[in-house]
Amino acid sequence: MLDEARPDLVQVSTHFSRMGRWNMEALRRGIPVFSEKPVAFGLEELAELWEAGGRGKVPFAAGQGVQGDPAFEAAREAVRAGRIGEALASYHQKSYRWGTRPESWKDRRTFPGVVPWVGVHALAWMTWILGDVFTEVAGWEGAAARPEYPACASQAGAIFRQSNGGFAMLSMDYLRPASAPTHGDERLRIAGTQGVVEVRSGEKTCALIEAGAAPRDLAPSAPPLDAFTRFAKSLLKEGPPPMESWETCRVTELAFLTQRALDEGKPVGLKTALAG
């Protein structure tokens, strides 16, 4: 089909175990891809995918960030503009309602782990806002709330060492009550040498506290576009993509390395094995 149709763009959304293979079918043909996450099923397949796309030559992006959310966009602008000084301590949260989950989530052979599935969103905004500054990670997870689903932790936490001596904490859980008004609850708090920025998805606001100034809410400088629209426009040379192909793969690599740290119960280095 790809050979006959030669589409300008392919969007891939399938089971975890097939995502990487379908992505590679398009990338090897030079067709840009927008993928569901995780973009590959493990580090080995991720390395193969990186090569299939010519090490970033074929445009490649994924729905794994928060681009398009005004509060997160405003937080990024504030941090990147130096409004809080040097970022040294941060907290990032992904909390979901459980709902109904398939049998495949009970086995790591068919489910990649809570970090590549849930935590990858936060890792995407962490690198998007703070940069690729993480050097080591340690963490823990457990399935205490739903032991019949051992492959998908009901609660997990990780702490990342930053190259500047700072740290970031990531909290992931499937403990959000079914009665909660939304499926997900995303939060971040980034503290720097000159201030603090905070986002709570439920309140849809970005709060900035600068040294010597009263707290105030921020809005992005322009109405943001969702990740898919940004990617499509970038192919038309109408703006930058939500993330470069390298960044898309790097976030996935960080997710699988973090999952390894949780699985092994010991720190894992975050140096990339992909060729940038």
Protein backbone atom coordinates (compact mmCIF):
# COMPACT_ATOMS: atom_id res chain seq x y z
CA MET A 1 0.00 0.00 0.00
CA LEU A 2 2.79 2.45 0.91
CA ASP A 3 4.55 1.72 -2.37
CA GLU A 4 1.38 2.26 -4.39
CA ALA A 5 -0.06 5.28 -2.59
CA ARG A 6 3.20 7.07 -1.68
CA PRO A 7 1.50 9.24 0.97
CA ASP A 8 2.98 12.56 2.07
CA LEU A 9 2.58 11.57 5.72
CA VAL A 10 1.73 8.40 7.64
CA GLN A 11 0.12 8.37 11.08
CA VAL A 12 0.71 5.13 12.99
CA SER A 13 -1.42 3.94 15.90
CA THR A 14 -1.44 0.24 16.64
CA HIS A 15 -0.55 -2.26 19.38
CA PHE A 16 2.69 -1.57 21.27
CA SER A 17 4.39 -4.63 19.84
CA ARG A 18 3.76 -3.52 16.23
CA MET A 19 4.32 0.24 16.49
CA GLY A 20 8.03 0.21 15.73
CA ARG A 21 7.70 -2.16 12.77
CA TRP A 22 4.98 -0.11 11.12
CA ASN A 23 6.95 3.08 11.72
CA MET A 24 9.99 1.55 10.08
CA GLU A 25 8.04 0.42 7.01
CA ALA A 26 7.29 4.07 6.26
CA LEU A 27 10.63 5.54 7.33
CA ARG A 28 12.61 3.15 5.14
CA ARG A 29 10.62 4.49 2.18
CA GLY A 30 11.43 8.07 3.12
CA ILE A 31 7.84 8.81 4.24
CA PRO A 32 7.42 11.14 7.25
CA VAL A 33 5.74 9.51 10.25
CA PHE A 34 3.65 10.77 13.17
CA SER A 35 3.44 7.91 15.67
CA GLU A 36 1.53 6.93 18.78
CA LYS A 37 3.82 6.23 21.74
CA PRO A 38 6.01 4.45 22.51
CA VAL A 39 7.47 4.67 19.02
CA ALA A 40 9.27 1.33 19.45
CA PHE A 41 9.00 -1.71 21.71
CA GLY A 42 12.31 -1.60 23.53
CA LEU A 43 15.78 -0.10 23.14
CA GLU A 44 16.97 -2.56 20.50
CA GLU A 45 14.02 -1.83 18.23
CA LEU A 46 14.43 1.90 18.87
CA ALA A 47 18.02 1.76 17.59
CA GLU A 48 16.79 -0.06 14.50
CA LEU A 49 14.10 2.58 13.96
CA TRP A 50 16.66 5.39 14.27
CA GLU A 51 18.71 3.79 11.51
CA ALA A 52 15.60 3.16 9.37
CA GLY A 53 14.90 6.89 9.33
CA GLY A 54 18.42 7.72 8.23
CA ARG A 55 19.35 8.91 11.71
CA GLY A 56 16.84 11.70 11.63
CA LYS A 57 16.84 12.52 7.93
CA VAL A 58 13.20 11.42 7.50
CA PRO A 59 10.87 13.66 9.56
CA PHE A 60 9.51 11.72 12.53
CA ALA A 61 7.39 12.84 15.49
CA ALA A 62 5.09 11.32 18.11
CA GLY A 63 2.09 12.18 20.22
CA GLN A 64 4.04 12.03 23.44
CA GLY A 65 4.21 15.63 24.63
CA VAL A 66 2.00 18.51 25.71
CA GLN A 67 2.51 20.87 22.79
CA GLY A 68 -0.75 22.73 22.25
CA ASP A 69 -1.56 23.04 25.96
CA PRO A 70 -1.43 26.80 26.73
CA ALA A 71 -0.30 26.34 30.36
CA PHE A 72 2.63 24.09 29.46
CA GLU A 73 3.54 26.32 26.53
CA ALA A 74 3.67 29.31 28.88
CA ALA A 75 5.82 27.38 31.36
CA ARG A 76 8.31 26.51 28.65
CA GLU A 77 8.53 30.10 27.46
CA ALA A 78 9.15 31.31 31.02
CA VAL A 79 11.89 28.76 31.73
CA ARG A 80 13.59 29.18 28.35
CA ALA A 81 13.53 32.98 28.78
CA GLY A 82 15.35 32.68 32.11
CA ARG A 83 12.44 33.98 34.18
CA ILE A 84 13.18 31.54 37.03
CA GLY A 85 16.96 31.56 36.63
CA GLU A 86 18.71 28.20 36.55
CA ALA A 87 16.28 25.32 37.05
CA LEU A 88 17.52 23.15 39.92
CA ALA A 89 14.55 21.25 41.37
CA SER A 90 11.36 20.10 39.71
CA TYR A 91 8.36 17.83 40.17
CA HIS A 92 6.40 16.24 37.32
CA GLN A 93 3.18 14.23 37.67
CA LYS A 94 1.10 11.93 35.49
CA SER A 95 -1.95 10.45 37.20
CA TYR A 96 -4.67 8.48 35.39
CA ARG A 97 -7.96 6.76 36.10
CA TRP A 98 -7.71 3.01 35.58
CA GLY A 99 -10.89 2.28 33.67
CA THR A 100 -10.89 -1.07 31.85
CA ARG A 101 -7.58 -2.50 30.62
CA PRO A 102 -6.91 -5.49 28.33
CA GLU A 103 -5.28 -8.78 29.25
CA SER A 104 -2.16 -7.79 27.29
CA TRP A 105 -1.29 -5.28 30.02
CA LYS A 106 -0.52 -8.15 32.40
CA ASP A 107 2.64 -9.29 30.59
CA ARG A 108 5.80 -7.37 29.66
CA ARG A 109 5.97 -9.32 26.43
CA THR A 110 2.89 -7.38 25.30
CA PHE A 111 3.04 -4.23 27.49
CA PRO A 112 6.17 -2.02 27.62
CA GLY A 113 5.86 -0.81 31.22
CA VAL A 114 4.33 2.22 32.90
CA VAL A 115 7.16 4.60 31.95
CA PRO A 116 7.12 4.10 28.14
CA TRP A 117 3.32 4.27 28.21
CA VAL A 118 2.53 6.92 30.87
CA GLY A 119 5.80 8.51 31.97
CA VAL A 120 6.92 9.21 28.41
CA HIS A 121 4.52 12.18 28.28
CA ALA A 122 6.22 13.80 31.26
CA LEU A 123 9.68 12.93 29.96
CA ALA A 124 8.74 14.66 26.71
CA TRP A 125 7.74 17.88 28.47
CA MET A 126 10.73 17.63 30.84
CA THR A 127 13.21 17.62 27.94
CA TRP A 128 11.10 20.09 25.93
CA ILE A 129 11.16 22.59 28.81
CA LEU A 130 14.46 21.86 30.60
CA GLY A 131 16.50 20.34 27.78
CA ASP A 132 18.32 17.00 27.57
CA VAL A 133 20.05 17.61 30.92
CA PHE A 134 19.44 14.30 32.71
CA THR A 135 22.45 12.08 33.43
CA GLU A 136 21.22 9.34 35.77
CA VAL A 137 17.94 7.96 37.07
CA ALA A 138 16.82 5.79 39.97
CA GLY A 139 13.31 4.74 40.88
CA TRP A 140 10.79 2.25 42.18
CA GLU A 141 7.42 0.88 41.15
CA GLY A 142 4.77 -1.51 42.36
CA ALA A 143 1.41 -3.00 41.40
CA ALA A 144 -0.04 -2.94 44.90
CA ALA A 145 -3.40 -1.53 43.78
CA ARG A 146 -3.84 -4.13 41.03
CA PRO A 147 -1.53 -7.13 41.55
CA GLU A 148 -3.35 -9.00 38.77
CA TYR A 149 -1.63 -6.55 36.37
CA PRO A 150 2.05 -6.99 37.34
CA ALA A 151 3.38 -5.57 34.07
CA CYS A 152 1.69 -2.19 34.60
CA ALA A 153 2.62 -0.52 37.88
CA SER A 154 -0.21 1.16 39.74
CA GLN A 155 2.34 3.53 41.29
CA ALA A 156 5.87 4.47 40.26
CA GLY A 157 8.40 7.17 40.99
CA ALA A 158 11.77 8.19 39.60
CA ILE A 159 14.37 10.81 40.43
CA PHE A 160 16.73 12.19 37.80
CA ARG A 161 20.14 13.75 38.34
CA GLN A 162 20.78 16.84 36.21
CA SER A 163 24.10 17.86 34.70
CA ASN A 164 23.99 21.16 36.65
CA GLY A 165 23.66 19.44 40.03
CA GLY A 166 19.90 19.77 40.16
CA PHE A 167 17.26 17.05 40.13
CA ALA A 168 13.81 16.24 38.77
CA MET A 169 11.20 13.97 40.32
CA LEU A 170 8.66 12.05 38.24
CA SER A 171 5.49 10.57 39.73
CA MET A 172 3.28 8.16 37.74
CA ASP A 173 0.18 6.36 38.90
CA TYR A 174 -3.10 4.72 37.95
CA LEU A 175 -4.67 5.74 41.25
CA ARG A 176 -6.90 8.60 40.11
CA PRO A 177 -10.44 7.86 41.31
CA ALA A 178 -13.06 6.96 38.71
CA SER A 179 -15.17 9.85 40.02
CA ALA A 180 -12.49 12.41 39.10
CA PRO A 181 -13.69 15.00 36.57
CA THR A 182 -10.97 14.18 34.01
CA HIS A 183 -9.10 11.04 33.02
CA GLY A 184 -5.68 12.54 33.63
CA ASP A 185 -4.11 14.95 36.10
CA GLU A 186 -0.83 16.48 34.93
CA ARG A 187 1.23 18.79 37.11
CA LEU A 188 4.67 20.36 37.14
CA ARG A 189 6.61 22.59 39.45
CA ILE A 190 10.03 23.90 38.44
CA ALA A 191 12.10 25.84 40.97
CA GLY A 192 15.10 27.87 39.90
CA THR A 193 17.57 30.34 41.35
CA GLN A 194 15.25 33.28 40.58
CA GLY A 195 11.73 31.90 40.82
CA VAL A 196 9.20 29.10 40.47
CA VAL A 197 6.77 28.13 37.74
CA GLU A 198 3.82 25.77 38.32
CA VAL A 199 1.18 24.11 36.13
CA ARG A 200 -1.89 22.09 37.09
CA SER A 201 -3.80 20.71 34.14
CA GLY A 202 -7.10 20.78 36.00
CA GLU A 203 -6.80 24.52 36.63
CA LYS A 204 -5.46 25.19 33.12
CA THR A 205 -3.12 27.86 34.41
CA CYS A 206 0.61 28.53 34.56
CA ALA A 207 1.64 30.39 37.70
CA LEU A 208 4.94 32.27 37.93
CA ILE A 209 6.54 33.50 41.14
CA GLU A 210 9.57 35.65 40.41
CA ALA A 211 11.96 37.03 42.99
CA GLY A 212 10.68 40.37 44.22
CA ALA A 213 7.36 40.14 42.35
CA ALA A 214 3.84 39.02 43.20
CA PRO A 215 2.65 35.66 41.81
CA ARG A 216 0.84 35.90 38.50
CA ASP A 217 -0.61 33.68 35.80
CA LEU A 218 1.09 33.46 32.42
CA ALA A 219 -0.25 32.87 28.93
CA PRO A 220 1.79 31.79 25.89
CA SER A 221 2.94 34.51 23.51
CA ALA A 222 0.79 33.06 20.71
CA PRO A 223 -2.09 30.54 20.45
CA PRO A 224 -0.36 27.13 20.44
CA LEU A 225 -0.90 24.36 17.91
CA ASP A 226 -1.24 20.67 18.75
CA ALA A 227 1.70 18.38 17.97
CA PHE A 228 0.19 16.77 14.85
CA THR A 229 -0.70 20.13 13.30
CA ARG A 230 2.79 21.43 14.02
CA PHE A 231 4.30 18.36 12.42
CA ALA A 232 2.13 18.63 9.30
CA LYS A 233 2.92 22.34 8.97
CA SER A 234 6.63 21.64 9.34
CA LEU A 235 6.46 19.34 6.30
CA LEU A 236 5.00 22.29 4.38
CA LYS A 237 7.86 24.50 5.64
CA GLU A 238 5.36 26.58 7.62
CA GLY A 239 7.06 26.28 11.00
CA PRO A 240 9.17 24.01 13.21
CA PRO A 241 8.05 20.49 14.19
CA PRO A 242 6.90 19.77 17.76
CA MET A 243 10.20 17.94 18.23
CA GLU A 244 13.02 17.05 15.91
CA SER A 245 13.34 13.38 14.89
CA TRP A 246 16.32 13.02 17.23
CA GLU A 247 14.38 14.43 20.19
CA THR A 248 11.45 12.08 19.53
CA CYS A 249 13.73 9.05 19.71
CA ARG A 250 15.72 10.41 22.65
CA VAL A 251 12.58 10.80 24.78
CA THR A 252 11.68 7.18 24.04
CA GLU A 253 15.21 6.10 24.95
CA LEU A 254 14.93 7.96 28.26
CA ALA A 255 11.62 6.21 28.92
CA PHE A 256 13.02 2.71 28.42
CA LEU A 257 16.16 3.48 30.45
CA THR A 258 13.97 4.80 33.27
CA GLN A 259 11.83 1.67 33.11
CA ARG A 260 15.04 -0.37 33.40
CA ALA A 261 15.98 1.55 36.56
CA LEU A 262 12.57 0.78 38.07
CA ASP A 263 12.77 -2.89 37.06
CA GLU A 264 16.29 -3.39 38.41
CA GLY A 265 15.92 -1.21 41.50
CA LYS A 266 19.24 0.54 40.95
CA PRO A 267 20.50 3.72 39.22
CA VAL A 268 20.89 3.69 35.43
CA GLY A 269 23.02 6.10 33.40
CA LEU A 270 21.22 8.09 30.73
CA LYS A 271 23.97 8.51 28.16
CA THR A 272 22.51 7.87 24.73
CA ALA A 273 23.36 4.79 22.72
CA LEU A 274 21.89 6.37 19.57
CA ALA A 275 24.09 8.24 17.13
CA GLY A 276 23.01 11.87 17.15
